[in-house]
Amino acid sequence: MFLLVLLSVVAAEPSIESLVKTSEANRTERIAYTKTELATRQKRLALSKRGAVKRGQMGTHISDTAISFPTAEAKTEAIADATKAVEEITQQLAALEAGDEAALQLCLPELTKLEVGAVGRYKDGKAVDVVDAKQVIVAVARYTAATTIARGNALGTAAPRRLPDEVVWVKGIDTAGMVTDGRVDLTTKVFRVTGTKTYDTEDGRNTVFVLEPFDLAPAKELWAKMHTKAPAPTETTASTPASRTWTSADGKFSVDATFAGQIGGKVKLKKLDGKTVELDAANLSQADQDWLAKQSK
């Protein structure tokens, strides 16, 4: 049973521009990481397809150059899993490179350090207490990073060490189906740290950060503007000449069109509506005939 003692909300509204800029900076790094991950998964898929089935083998054996399976069923399952992983990562990479809406969520910073006003993606954890239909207290496991250590003349890796759980108070999410000690997936939303809550427990008073879902709509709008490609400018080249006004020798006829070629005494012109007409060069004004003479030089 948790009893609320004090509520302190002092969150400042985060800068949408700053959030989007951070996400854009993360996009380059994320693309590089995703390409590496895709290559790894593609290699795993190729090895799985070439892998041998060795009856009586204990489990699946994996190396950098080969994979062997104890049964044909295990091989089929491994190929299916690897294929799904390749497809999912390929989709992620396409979204990241295109800079679409899905890329924004992938590139948002993670809430690795909780502080009031911070915005980002969070992790999953287990429910400490389901407060009501929209609030739950969640404990998230934390570990130290793996470190390289010296072992005589060789280097080894120290395994990550478990740290005390990070406890947060989550508001504004649907808690239906959640149970104490059950898994709470917080990875599908973006959260803002809006303040702190202090409550009483059997072991004493505890103060934790409050997380609430963050409205990404303004950030998505700005992100879309950043990644909307402007139409390519139309260049005037020899192959796409500029339009000009062509006039008959008697001045009674004129048309705005581009020069599309000349065969013999016939001049082909392409009008602005896309239609093509042919005129006798001799019937054009002297200015037009002089222009044609220059094109033939």
C-alpha atoms as a PDB file:
ATOM      1  CA  MET A   1       0.000   0.000   0.000  1.00  0.00           C
ATOM      2  CA  PHE A   2       1.454   3.327  -1.078  1.00  0.00           C
ATOM      3  CA  LEU A   3       0.355   6.626   0.475  1.00  0.00           C
ATOM      4  CA  LEU A   4       1.074   9.803  -1.399  1.00  0.00           C
ATOM      5  CA  VAL A   5       2.683  12.398   0.835  1.00  0.00           C
ATOM      6  CA  LEU A   6       3.933  15.132  -1.459  1.00  0.00           C
ATOM      7  CA  LEU A   7       3.668  16.032  -5.111  1.00  0.00           C
ATOM      8  CA  SER A   8       6.195  18.358  -6.676  1.00  0.00           C
ATOM      9  CA  VAL A   9       5.889  19.228 -10.369  1.00  0.00           C
ATOM     10  CA  VAL A  10       8.416  21.712 -11.649  1.00  0.00           C
ATOM     11  CA  ALA A  11       8.888  20.612 -15.253  1.00  0.00           C
ATOM     12  CA  ALA A  12       9.648  23.230 -17.834  1.00  0.00           C
ATOM     13  CA  GLU A  13       8.294  22.727 -21.338  1.00  0.00           C
ATOM     14  CA  PRO A  14      11.106  21.268 -23.455  1.00  0.00           C
ATOM     15  CA  SER A  15      12.238  22.962 -26.636  1.00  0.00           C
ATOM     16  CA  ILE A  16      10.766  21.162 -29.638  1.00  0.00           C
ATOM     17  CA  GLU A  17      13.531  22.570 -31.841  1.00  0.00           C
ATOM     18  CA  SER A  18      16.215  21.246 -29.510  1.00  0.00           C
ATOM     19  CA  LEU A  19      14.573  17.824 -29.344  1.00  0.00           C
ATOM     20  CA  VAL A  20      14.318  17.545 -33.122  1.00  0.00           C
ATOM     21  CA  LYS A  21      17.901  18.741 -33.633  1.00  0.00           C
ATOM     22  CA  THR A  22      19.158  16.137 -31.168  1.00  0.00           C
ATOM     23  CA  SER A  23      17.182  13.452 -32.974  1.00  0.00           C
ATOM     24  CA  GLU A  24      18.580  14.550 -36.339  1.00  0.00           C
ATOM     25  CA  ALA A  25      22.115  14.411 -34.938  1.00  0.00           C
ATOM     26  CA  ASN A  26      21.389  10.896 -33.662  1.00  0.00           C
ATOM     27  CA  ARG A  27      20.070   9.830 -37.089  1.00  0.00           C
ATOM     28  CA  THR A  28      23.521   9.684 -38.721  1.00  0.00           C
ATOM     29  CA  GLU A  29      24.891   7.524 -35.915  1.00  0.00           C
ATOM     30  CA  ARG A  30      21.764   5.375 -35.924  1.00  0.00           C
ATOM     31  CA  ILE A  31      22.002   4.796 -39.690  1.00  0.00           C
ATOM     32  CA  ALA A  32      25.614   3.622 -39.356  1.00  0.00           C
ATOM     33  CA  TYR A  33      24.700   1.321 -36.455  1.00  0.00           C
ATOM     34  CA  THR A  34      21.686  -0.090 -38.323  1.00  0.00           C
ATOM     35  CA  LYS A  35      23.764  -0.798 -41.435  1.00  0.00           C
ATOM     36  CA  THR A  36      26.238  -2.746 -39.316  1.00  0.00           C
ATOM     37  CA  GLU A  37      23.427  -4.628 -37.600  1.00  0.00           C
ATOM     38  CA  LEU A  38      21.817  -5.422 -40.961  1.00  0.00           C
ATOM     39  CA  ALA A  39      25.088  -6.801 -42.324  1.00  0.00           C
ATOM     40  CA  THR A  40      25.436  -9.003 -39.233  1.00  0.00           C
ATOM     41  CA  ARG A  41      21.892 -10.319 -39.585  1.00  0.00           C
ATOM     42  CA  GLN A  42      22.306 -10.934 -43.307  1.00  0.00           C
ATOM     43  CA  LYS A  43      25.449 -12.943 -42.602  1.00  0.00           C
ATOM     44  CA  ARG A  44      23.585 -14.935 -39.951  1.00  0.00           C
ATOM     45  CA  LEU A  45      20.802 -15.650 -42.447  1.00  0.00           C
ATOM     46  CA  ALA A  46      23.267 -16.778 -45.114  1.00  0.00           C
ATOM     47  CA  LEU A  47      25.083 -19.054 -42.653  1.00  0.00           C
ATOM     48  CA  SER A  48      21.755 -20.506 -41.477  1.00  0.00           C
ATOM     49  CA  LYS A  49      20.731 -21.315 -45.041  1.00  0.00           C
ATOM     50  CA  ARG A  50      24.075 -23.048 -45.689  1.00  0.00           C
ATOM     51  CA  GLY A  51      24.169 -24.681 -42.274  1.00  0.00           C
ATOM     52  CA  ALA A  52      24.491 -28.441 -41.971  1.00  0.00           C
ATOM     53  CA  VAL A  53      22.120 -30.652 -39.994  1.00  0.00           C
ATOM     54  CA  LYS A  54      24.108 -32.971 -37.727  1.00  0.00           C
ATOM     55  CA  ARG A  55      21.926 -35.541 -36.057  1.00  0.00           C
ATOM     56  CA  GLY A  56      22.831 -36.205 -32.455  1.00  0.00           C
ATOM     57  CA  GLN A  57      24.502 -32.821 -32.025  1.00  0.00           C
ATOM     58  CA  MET A  58      23.683 -31.113 -28.726  1.00  0.00           C
ATOM     59  CA  GLY A  59      22.093 -27.803 -29.633  1.00  0.00           C
ATOM     60  CA  THR A  60      23.019 -25.348 -32.378  1.00  0.00           C
ATOM     61  CA  HIS A  61      26.712 -24.605 -32.905  1.00  0.00           C
ATOM     62  CA  ILE A  62      27.565 -21.104 -34.120  1.00  0.00           C
ATOM     63  CA  SER A  63      30.884 -19.661 -35.263  1.00  0.00           C
ATOM     64  CA  ASP A  64      31.915 -16.726 -37.432  1.00  0.00           C
ATOM     65  CA  THR A  65      32.029 -18.940 -40.521  1.00  0.00           C
ATOM     66  CA  ALA A  66      29.497 -21.715 -40.000  1.00  0.00           C
ATOM     67  CA  ILE A  67      26.345 -22.809 -38.202  1.00  0.00           C
ATOM     68  CA  SER A  68      25.235 -26.398 -37.670  1.00  0.00           C
ATOM     69  CA  PHE A  69      21.892 -27.593 -36.366  1.00  0.00           C
ATOM     70  CA  PRO A  70      20.806 -30.713 -34.476  1.00  0.00           C
ATOM     71  CA  THR A  71      17.605 -31.089 -36.548  1.00  0.00           C
ATOM     72  CA  ALA A  72      16.066 -29.867 -39.802  1.00  0.00           C
ATOM     73  CA  GLU A  73      13.318 -28.220 -37.767  1.00  0.00           C
ATOM     74  CA  ALA A  74      15.889 -26.176 -35.833  1.00  0.00           C
ATOM     75  CA  LYS A  75      17.411 -25.021 -39.121  1.00  0.00           C
ATOM     76  CA  THR A  76      14.013 -24.032 -40.540  1.00  0.00           C
ATOM     77  CA  GLU A  77      13.191 -22.075 -37.382  1.00  0.00           C
ATOM     78  CA  ALA A  78      16.574 -20.305 -37.421  1.00  0.00           C
ATOM     79  CA  ILE A  79      16.120 -19.291 -41.066  1.00  0.00           C
ATOM     80  CA  ALA A  80      12.641 -17.933 -40.320  1.00  0.00           C
ATOM     81  CA  ASP A  81      13.912 -15.918 -37.335  1.00  0.00           C
ATOM     82  CA  ALA A  82      16.877 -14.551 -39.283  1.00  0.00           C
ATOM     83  CA  THR A  83      14.671 -13.632 -42.251  1.00  0.00           C
ATOM     84  CA  LYS A  84      12.256 -11.743 -39.984  1.00  0.00           C
ATOM     85  CA  ALA A  85      15.142  -9.879 -38.332  1.00  0.00           C
ATOM     86  CA  VAL A  86      16.590  -8.865 -41.717  1.00  0.00           C
ATOM     87  CA  GLU A  87      13.197  -7.615 -42.888  1.00  0.00           C
ATOM     88  CA  GLU A  88      12.597  -5.576 -39.729  1.00  0.00           C
ATOM     89  CA  ILE A  89      16.053  -3.989 -39.772  1.00  0.00           C
ATOM     90  CA  THR A  90      15.759  -3.267 -43.498  1.00  0.00           C
ATOM     91  CA  GLN A  91      12.523  -1.386 -42.788  1.00  0.00           C
ATOM     92  CA  GLN A  92      14.170   0.543 -39.964  1.00  0.00           C
ATOM     93  CA  LEU A  93      17.078   1.500 -42.201  1.00  0.00           C
ATOM     94  CA  ALA A  94      14.728   2.676 -44.952  1.00  0.00           C
ATOM     95  CA  ALA A  95      12.819   4.827 -42.447  1.00  0.00           C
ATOM     96  CA  LEU A  96      16.037   6.298 -41.063  1.00  0.00           C
ATOM     97  CA  GLU A  97      17.459   7.116 -44.488  1.00  0.00           C
ATOM     98  CA  ALA A  98      14.164   8.626 -45.668  1.00  0.00           C
ATOM     99  CA  GLY A  99      13.821  10.653 -42.469  1.00  0.00           C
ATOM    100  CA  ASP A 100      10.140   9.786 -42.173  1.00  0.00           C
ATOM    101  CA  GLU A 101       7.997   9.900 -39.049  1.00  0.00           C
ATOM    102  CA  ALA A 102       9.140   6.477 -37.867  1.00  0.00           C
ATOM    103  CA  ALA A 103      12.733   7.727 -37.958  1.00  0.00           C
ATOM    104  CA  LEU A 104      11.947  10.470 -35.438  1.00  0.00           C
ATOM    105  CA  GLN A 105      10.895   7.943 -32.815  1.00  0.00           C
ATOM    106  CA  LEU A 106      13.935   5.761 -33.537  1.00  0.00           C
ATOM    107  CA  CYS A 107      16.299   8.712 -33.184  1.00  0.00           C
ATOM    108  CA  LEU A 108      14.882  10.322 -30.068  1.00  0.00           C
ATOM    109  CA  PRO A 109      17.368  10.282 -27.200  1.00  0.00           C
ATOM    110  CA  GLU A 110      17.029   7.675 -24.474  1.00  0.00           C
ATOM    111  CA  LEU A 111      16.255   8.693 -20.918  1.00  0.00           C
ATOM    112  CA  THR A 112      19.534   7.372 -19.592  1.00  0.00           C
ATOM    113  CA  LYS A 113      19.690  10.082 -16.938  1.00  0.00           C
ATOM    114  CA  LEU A 114      16.411  11.161 -15.383  1.00  0.00           C
ATOM    115  CA  GLU A 115      15.973  14.851 -14.708  1.00  0.00           C
ATOM    116  CA  VAL A 116      12.923  17.077 -14.707  1.00  0.00           C
ATOM    117  CA  GLY A 117      12.103  18.310 -18.209  1.00  0.00           C
ATOM    118  CA  ALA A 118      14.002  15.544 -20.032  1.00  0.00           C
ATOM    119  CA  VAL A 119      12.245  13.873 -22.970  1.00  0.00           C
ATOM    120  CA  GLY A 120      13.049  10.559 -24.615  1.00  0.00           C
ATOM    121  CA  ARG A 121      12.507   6.855 -24.957  1.00  0.00           C
ATOM    122  CA  TYR A 122      12.554   4.690 -21.844  1.00  0.00           C
ATOM    123  CA  LYS A 123      12.919   0.981 -21.028  1.00  0.00           C
ATOM    124  CA  ASP A 124      10.624  -1.734 -19.796  1.00  0.00           C
ATOM    125  CA  GLY A 125      10.477  -2.871 -16.188  1.00  0.00           C
ATOM    126  CA  LYS A 126       8.221  -4.564 -13.676  1.00  0.00           C
ATOM    127  CA  ALA A 127       5.243  -3.149 -11.834  1.00  0.00           C
ATOM    128  CA  VAL A 128       5.920  -2.377  -8.181  1.00  0.00           C
ATOM    129  CA  ASP A 129       2.359  -1.195  -7.608  1.00  0.00           C
ATOM    130  CA  VAL A 130      -0.562  -0.535  -9.965  1.00  0.00           C
ATOM    131  CA  VAL A 131      -1.927   2.672  -8.449  1.00  0.00           C
ATOM    132  CA  ASP A 132      -5.052   3.059 -10.607  1.00  0.00           C
ATOM    133  CA  ALA A 133      -6.280   2.850 -14.216  1.00  0.00           C
ATOM    134  CA  LYS A 134      -3.743   5.449 -15.394  1.00  0.00           C
ATOM    135  CA  GLN A 135      -0.837   5.242 -12.937  1.00  0.00           C
ATOM    136  CA  VAL A 136       1.736   2.605 -12.096  1.00  0.00           C
ATOM    137  CA  ILE A 137       4.985   2.535 -10.151  1.00  0.00           C
ATOM    138  CA  VAL A 138       7.669   0.746 -12.166  1.00  0.00           C
ATOM    139  CA  ALA A 139      11.089  -0.629 -11.240  1.00  0.00           C
ATOM    140  CA  VAL A 140      13.629  -0.725 -14.066  1.00  0.00           C
ATOM    141  CA  ALA A 141      16.721  -2.927 -13.793  1.00  0.00           C
ATOM    142  CA  ARG A 142      20.067  -1.145 -14.125  1.00  0.00           C
ATOM    143  CA  TYR A 143      23.545  -2.544 -14.780  1.00  0.00           C
ATOM    144  CA  THR A 144      27.043  -1.190 -14.994  1.00  0.00           C
ATOM    145  CA  ALA A 145      28.604  -1.192 -18.454  1.00  0.00           C
ATOM    146  CA  ALA A 146      30.876  -4.071 -19.403  1.00  0.00           C
ATOM    147  CA  THR A 147      34.493  -3.056 -18.832  1.00  0.00           C
ATOM    148  CA  THR A 148      37.834  -4.270 -20.148  1.00  0.00           C
ATOM    149  CA  ILE A 149      40.261  -5.425 -17.472  1.00  0.00           C
ATOM    150  CA  ALA A 150      43.844  -6.676 -17.500  1.00  0.00           C
ATOM    151  CA  ARG A 151      44.411 -10.339 -16.690  1.00  0.00           C
ATOM    152  CA  GLY A 152      48.129 -10.866 -16.600  1.00  0.00           C
ATOM    153  CA  ASN A 153      49.383 -10.180 -20.121  1.00  0.00           C
ATOM    154  CA  ALA A 154      45.904 -10.510 -21.614  1.00  0.00           C
ATOM    155  CA  LEU A 155      42.761  -8.390 -21.622  1.00  0.00           C
ATOM    156  CA  GLY A 156      39.442  -9.689 -20.375  1.00  0.00           C
ATOM    157  CA  THR A 157      35.926  -8.344 -19.966  1.00  0.00           C
ATOM    158  CA  ALA A 158      34.242  -7.794 -16.641  1.00  0.00           C
ATOM    159  CA  ALA A 159      30.552  -8.697 -16.782  1.00  0.00           C
ATOM    160  CA  PRO A 160      28.024  -5.927 -16.086  1.00  0.00           C
ATOM    161  CA  ARG A 161      27.129  -5.627 -12.406  1.00  0.00           C
ATOM    162  CA  ARG A 162      23.526  -5.276 -11.218  1.00  0.00           C
ATOM    163  CA  LEU A 163      22.721  -1.897  -9.669  1.00  0.00           C
ATOM    164  CA  PRO A 164      19.732  -0.956  -7.522  1.00  0.00           C
ATOM    165  CA  ASP A 165      16.546  -0.705  -9.607  1.00  0.00           C
ATOM    166  CA  GLU A 166      15.489   2.686 -10.896  1.00  0.00           C
ATOM    167  CA  VAL A 167      11.951   3.305  -9.675  1.00  0.00           C
ATOM    168  CA  VAL A 168       9.654   5.731 -11.512  1.00  0.00           C
ATOM    169  CA  TRP A 169       6.024   6.809 -11.196  1.00  0.00           C
ATOM    170  CA  VAL A 170       4.345   6.578 -14.604  1.00  0.00           C
ATOM    171  CA  LYS A 171       1.168   8.558 -15.255  1.00  0.00           C
ATOM    172  CA  GLY A 172      -1.195   8.725 -18.215  1.00  0.00           C
ATOM    173  CA  ILE A 173      -0.892   5.176 -19.563  1.00  0.00           C
ATOM    174  CA  ASP A 174      -3.441   2.368 -19.640  1.00  0.00           C
ATOM    175  CA  THR A 175      -2.673   0.004 -16.777  1.00  0.00           C
ATOM    176  CA  ALA A 176      -5.378  -2.548 -17.627  1.00  0.00           C
ATOM    177  CA  GLY A 177      -3.922  -6.042 -17.356  1.00  0.00           C
ATOM    178  CA  MET A 178      -0.886  -4.940 -15.340  1.00  0.00           C
ATOM    179  CA  VAL A 179      -0.134  -6.851 -12.151  1.00  0.00           C
ATOM    180  CA  THR A 180       2.421  -6.457  -9.377  1.00  0.00           C
ATOM    181  CA  ASP A 181       5.803  -7.868 -10.457  1.00  0.00           C
ATOM    182  CA  GLY A 182       4.499  -8.189 -14.019  1.00  0.00           C
ATOM    183  CA  ARG A 183       6.331  -6.741 -17.038  1.00  0.00           C
ATOM    184  CA  VAL A 184       5.571  -3.152 -18.024  1.00  0.00           C
ATOM    185  CA  ASP A 185       6.649  -2.212 -21.555  1.00  0.00           C
ATOM    186  CA  LEU A 186       7.538   1.476 -21.693  1.00  0.00           C
ATOM    187  CA  THR A 187       9.533   1.236 -24.937  1.00  0.00           C
ATOM    188  CA  THR A 188       6.646   2.007 -27.300  1.00  0.00           C
ATOM    189  CA  LYS A 189       6.055   5.562 -26.039  1.00  0.00           C
ATOM    190  CA  VAL A 190       8.075   8.725 -25.603  1.00  0.00           C
ATOM    191  CA  PHE A 191       8.044  10.181 -22.090  1.00  0.00           C
ATOM    192  CA  ARG A 192       8.742  13.493 -20.427  1.00  0.00           C
ATOM    193  CA  VAL A 193       9.961  13.720 -16.842  1.00  0.00           C
ATOM    194  CA  THR A 194       7.363  16.096 -15.395  1.00  0.00           C
ATOM    195  CA  GLY A 195       8.390  16.224 -11.754  1.00  0.00           C
ATOM    196  CA  THR A 196       8.687  14.061  -8.651  1.00  0.00           C
ATOM    197  CA  LYS A 197       6.396  12.228  -6.252  1.00  0.00           C
ATOM    198  CA  THR A 198       7.094  11.328  -2.670  1.00  0.00           C
ATOM    199  CA  TYR A 199       5.187   8.460  -1.093  1.00  0.00           C
ATOM    200  CA  ASP A 200       5.381   6.231   1.966  1.00  0.00           C
ATOM    201  CA  THR A 201       6.412   2.580   1.773  1.00  0.00           C
ATOM    202  CA  GLU A 202       6.913  -0.119   4.372  1.00  0.00           C
ATOM    203  CA  ASP A 203      10.604   0.802   4.379  1.00  0.00           C
ATOM    204  CA  GLY A 204      10.057   4.539   4.690  1.00  0.00           C
ATOM    205  CA  ARG A 205       9.503   7.510   2.441  1.00  0.00           C
ATOM    206  CA  ASN A 206      10.570   7.325  -1.194  1.00  0.00           C
ATOM    207  CA  THR A 207      10.870  10.092  -3.795  1.00  0.00           C
ATOM    208  CA  VAL A 208      10.860   9.163  -7.477  1.00  0.00           C
ATOM    209  CA  PHE A 209      10.644  10.890 -10.835  1.00  0.00           C
ATOM    210  CA  VAL A 210       7.297  11.113 -12.619  1.00  0.00           C
ATOM    211  CA  LEU A 211       7.090  10.099 -16.283  1.00  0.00           C
ATOM    212  CA  GLU A 212       4.197  11.098 -18.549  1.00  0.00           C
ATOM    213  CA  PRO A 213       3.627  10.413 -22.257  1.00  0.00           C
ATOM    214  CA  PHE A 214       4.973  13.243 -24.392  1.00  0.00           C
ATOM    215  CA  ASP A 215       2.919  14.693 -27.256  1.00  0.00           C
ATOM    216  CA  LEU A 216       5.120  14.253 -30.319  1.00  0.00           C
ATOM    217  CA  ALA A 217       2.767  16.043 -32.738  1.00  0.00           C
ATOM    218  CA  PRO A 218       4.689  19.384 -32.840  1.00  0.00           C
ATOM    219  CA  ALA A 219       8.008  17.540 -33.148  1.00  0.00           C
ATOM    220  CA  LYS A 220       6.628  15.379 -35.965  1.00  0.00           C
ATOM    221  CA  GLU A 221       5.479  18.502 -37.813  1.00  0.00           C
ATOM    222  CA  LEU A 222       8.902  20.140 -37.545  1.00  0.00           C
ATOM    223  CA  TRP A 223      10.645  16.870 -38.450  1.00  0.00           C
ATOM    224  CA  ALA A 224       8.477  16.543 -41.565  1.00  0.00           C
ATOM    225  CA  LYS A 225       9.381  20.064 -42.662  1.00  0.00           C
ATOM    226  CA  MET A 226      13.080  19.296 -42.227  1.00  0.00           C
ATOM    227  CA  HIS A 227      12.861  16.163 -44.365  1.00  0.00           C
ATOM    228  CA  THR A 228      10.479  17.304 -47.096  1.00  0.00           C
ATOM    229  CA  LYS A 229      12.507  17.434 -50.274  1.00  0.00           C
ATOM    230  CA  ALA A 230      12.084  20.585 -52.328  1.00  0.00           C
ATOM    231  CA  PRO A 231      11.304  20.020 -56.013  1.00  0.00           C
ATOM    232  CA  ALA A 232      14.418  20.010 -58.146  1.00  0.00           C
ATOM    233  CA  PRO A 233      14.873  23.307 -60.006  1.00  0.00           C
ATOM    234  CA  THR A 234      14.275  23.219 -63.740  1.00  0.00           C
ATOM    235  CA  GLU A 235      17.508  23.970 -65.533  1.00  0.00           C
ATOM    236  CA  THR A 236      17.680  25.617 -68.925  1.00  0.00           C
ATOM    237  CA  THR A 237      20.131  23.628 -71.010  1.00  0.00           C
ATOM    238  CA  ALA A 238      20.706  22.914 -74.606  1.00  0.00           C
ATOM    239  CA  SER A 239      18.451  19.859 -74.309  1.00  0.00           C
ATOM    240  CA  THR A 240      15.725  21.867 -72.513  1.00  0.00           C
ATOM    241  CA  PRO A 241      15.848  25.344 -74.093  1.00  0.00           C
ATOM    242  CA  ALA A 242      13.996  28.288 -72.623  1.00  0.00           C
ATOM    243  CA  SER A 243      10.644  29.291 -74.049  1.00  0.00           C
ATOM    244  CA  ARG A 244      10.537  32.310 -76.362  1.00  0.00           C
ATOM    245  CA  THR A 245       7.938  34.125 -78.417  1.00  0.00           C
ATOM    246  CA  TRP A 246       7.904  33.186 -82.094  1.00  0.00           C
ATOM    247  CA  THR A 247       6.314  35.626 -84.531  1.00  0.00           C
ATOM    248  CA  SER A 248       5.232  35.343 -88.179  1.00  0.00           C
ATOM    249  CA  ALA A 249       6.881  37.570 -90.769  1.00  0.00           C
ATOM    250  CA  ASP A 250       3.657  39.608 -91.193  1.00  0.00           C
ATOM    251  CA  GLY A 251       3.242  39.961 -87.405  1.00  0.00           C
ATOM    252  CA  LYS A 252      -0.252  38.443 -87.411  1.00  0.00           C
ATOM    253  CA  PHE A 253       0.734  35.250 -85.595  1.00  0.00           C
ATOM    254  CA  SER A 254       2.784  34.574 -82.474  1.00  0.00           C
ATOM    255  CA  VAL A 255       3.243  31.677 -80.080  1.00  0.00           C
ATOM    256  CA  ASP A 256       5.213  31.066 -76.896  1.00  0.00           C
ATOM    257  CA  ALA A 257       7.140  27.835 -77.373  1.00  0.00           C
ATOM    258  CA  THR A 258      10.501  26.126 -77.063  1.00  0.00           C
ATOM    259  CA  PHE A 259      12.608  25.166 -80.057  1.00  0.00           C
ATOM    260  CA  ALA A 260      12.327  21.408 -80.591  1.00  0.00           C
ATOM    261  CA  GLY A 261      14.362  21.026 -83.791  1.00  0.00           C
ATOM    262  CA  GLN A 262      14.567  21.887 -87.460  1.00  0.00           C
ATOM    263  CA  ILE A 263      14.461  19.619 -90.489  1.00  0.00           C
ATOM    264  CA  GLY A 264      14.954  21.300 -93.818  1.00  0.00           C
ATOM    265  CA  GLY A 265      12.738  24.354 -93.968  1.00  0.00           C
ATOM    266  CA  LYS A 266      10.438  23.153 -91.179  1.00  0.00           C
ATOM    267  CA  VAL A 267      10.833  24.358 -87.589  1.00  0.00           C
ATOM    268  CA  LYS A 268       9.389  22.215 -84.815  1.00  0.00           C
ATOM    269  CA  LEU A 269       8.161  24.114 -81.733  1.00  0.00           C
ATOM    270  CA  LYS A 270       6.821  22.765 -78.458  1.00  0.00           C
ATOM    271  CA  LYS A 271       4.100  24.960 -76.968  1.00  0.00           C
ATOM    272  CA  LEU A 272       3.604  25.526 -73.247  1.00  0.00           C
ATOM    273  CA  ASP A 273       0.663  23.107 -73.193  1.00  0.00           C
ATOM    274  CA  GLY A 274       2.978  20.370 -74.469  1.00  0.00           C
ATOM    275  CA  LYS A 275       1.611  20.249 -78.003  1.00  0.00           C
ATOM    276  CA  THR A 276       4.046  20.383 -80.915  1.00  0.00           C
ATOM    277  CA  VAL A 277       3.609  22.466 -84.056  1.00  0.00           C
ATOM    278  CA  GLU A 278       5.642  22.737 -87.250  1.00  0.00           C
ATOM    279  CA  LEU A 279       6.125  26.058 -89.062  1.00  0.00           C
ATOM    280  CA  ASP A 280       7.880  27.090 -92.266  1.00  0.00           C
ATOM    281  CA  ALA A 281      11.091  28.853 -91.289  1.00  0.00           C
ATOM    282  CA  ALA A 282      10.630  31.257 -94.229  1.00  0.00           C
ATOM    283  CA  ASN A 283       7.339  32.474 -92.743  1.00  0.00           C
ATOM    284  CA  LEU A 284       8.926  33.482 -89.407  1.00  0.00           C
ATOM    285  CA  SER A 285      10.089  36.992 -88.504  1.00  0.00           C
ATOM    286  CA  GLN A 286      13.627  38.078 -89.350  1.00  0.00           C
ATOM    287  CA  ALA A 287      14.483  38.017 -85.590  1.00  0.00           C
ATOM    288  CA  ASP A 288      13.364  34.375 -85.383  1.00  0.00           C
ATOM    289  CA  GLN A 289      15.302  33.428 -88.509  1.00  0.00           C
ATOM    290  CA  ASP A 290      18.420  35.099 -87.109  1.00  0.00           C
ATOM    291  CA  TRP A 291      17.956  33.130 -83.857  1.00  0.00           C
ATOM    292  CA  LEU A 292      17.677  29.893 -85.819  1.00  0.00           C
ATOM    293  CA  ALA A 293      20.812  30.725 -87.772  1.00  0.00           C
ATOM    294  CA  LYS A 294      22.747  31.089 -84.505  1.00  0.00           C
ATOM    295  CA  GLN A 295      21.557  27.657 -83.301  1.00  0.00           C
ATOM    296  CA  SER A 296      22.909  25.982 -86.425  1.00  0.00           C
ATOM    297  CA  LYS A 297      26.431  27.390 -85.940  1.00  0.00           C
END
